[in-house]
Amino acid sequence: MKKIHIFVLCLMAGILILFCGACANQNTEHSDRKGKNEASSISFSELELDHSLPLQYAAQFSVDYYTGGYALVDITEGGRFLVVPEGKPVPEDMEEDIVVLKQPLDHIYLVATSAMDFFRALEGIDQITLSGTDADGWYIDEAKEALKEGRMEYAGKYNAPDYELILDKKCSLAVESTMIYHNPEVKEKLEDFGIPVLVERSSYEGHPLGRMEWIKLYAVLLGKEDLAETYFNEQIASVEKILSEENTGKTAAFFYISSNGYVNVRKSGDYVSKMIELAGGKYIFQNLGDGENALSTMNMQMEKFYADAKDADYLIYNSTIEGELKSLDELLDKSELLSDFKAVKNGNVWCTGKNLFQETTGLSDMIVDIHRMLTDDDPELTELTYMHRLK
């Protein structure tokens, strides 16, 4: 009997030791987890500024990098966004106006057509899984193919998004054009669903190359800053010599004729007119529409266009709205007055391709095109990157 009592006491002691050991281990693990959680948390005020993104031409956004790889993007009249690297905690005590973008941003709903070309150049098309434009509306082959193959889905235009699809695809970011401001309820609803909304404002850049520099902003979102820097520098290198040359003094008009007979022209301060200047020419309308409103174009009667532009050395027809022209006869069918224009008589009429305004990274190539148009007198020169001569 005595032996049984001793055995029971030993057994109970062993159990007690095991229990105490388990409790100690549990407390240690809890302490370790607590320590790790405390170590992983960070306050926004504790982030230290490391450096700012250098920009050559863009003035509508800025990027500040903080320790730990955090990046604060500030878009003029478009809000602030904190890009949080994958695996890093979202800082506590964030200022209320800052929108958090957690990497990887691999389920993007892209509505702003001008931004798609940036993603193409950054090899980031696959991170756009939802499009605000269907396949037949894209001139960028990679976007068109992605939609046809099902790697990207049409999720509705800016004012009528397919919310069910967007939520089902776990959208991580919506990139909208400024058209979204005409339907603010859409932006609010996306945000209510927890989807960050970034409004694309590259079109507000005063310098044409500033528009192109927005590739650096999208590179921050994708974590591909080095690729963007290399790409942008290559594009700038292609026009550096042109920018340093003396102006030719030759004049050019950029326009299209609407279905109701009005002539739509770019205002004097628009980026297209500035591209003509950068390419070595002079925009025929030097003081047109400045300060009237935020629009970059305006309509005028054909008679007014005739009076102001008939002596222009070159005419460039914008095919984006009313369609691409294949011959000079197609242009003259729009108005008989055009036959009296100096550029028509001299065979200096060019037409843009429809892809010009979707391929934002091609603005440097367009400057090269205009420069060649102004300086190359070879009548056999009929095809450029974004323009063709009308005969």
Foldseek 3Di string as FASTA:
>chain_A
DVVVVVVVVVVVVVVVVVVVVVVVVVVVVVVVVVVVVVVQAAAPVPWAFDAWDDDDFADQKTWTATPPGWIWIQGHVFFIEIEHEPPHDDYPPDDPRYHYQYPPQQDEEEQPLQCCLLCVLLVNNLSHQEYQDALVVDPPVVNNVCPVVNSHDYQHHLQDGNVVVCVVSVHREYEAEPVNVVVVVSQVVCVVVVHHYTYDDLQVGQELLNSLLCSCVVCSNNVNNVSSVVLSVVLCVLLVVQQPDAAPAAEEWEWAADPVGWIKGFAQSGNVQVLLVSLRYHYQHNHGPPPVDDDGIDTDHPVVCLVRQLAHQAYEYEQQPVHWDAAPVVVCVSDVSNCSRNNNVVQRYKYFDNNVSSNSNCSSQVSVVSNCSVPPPPPPPADGPTMGGHD
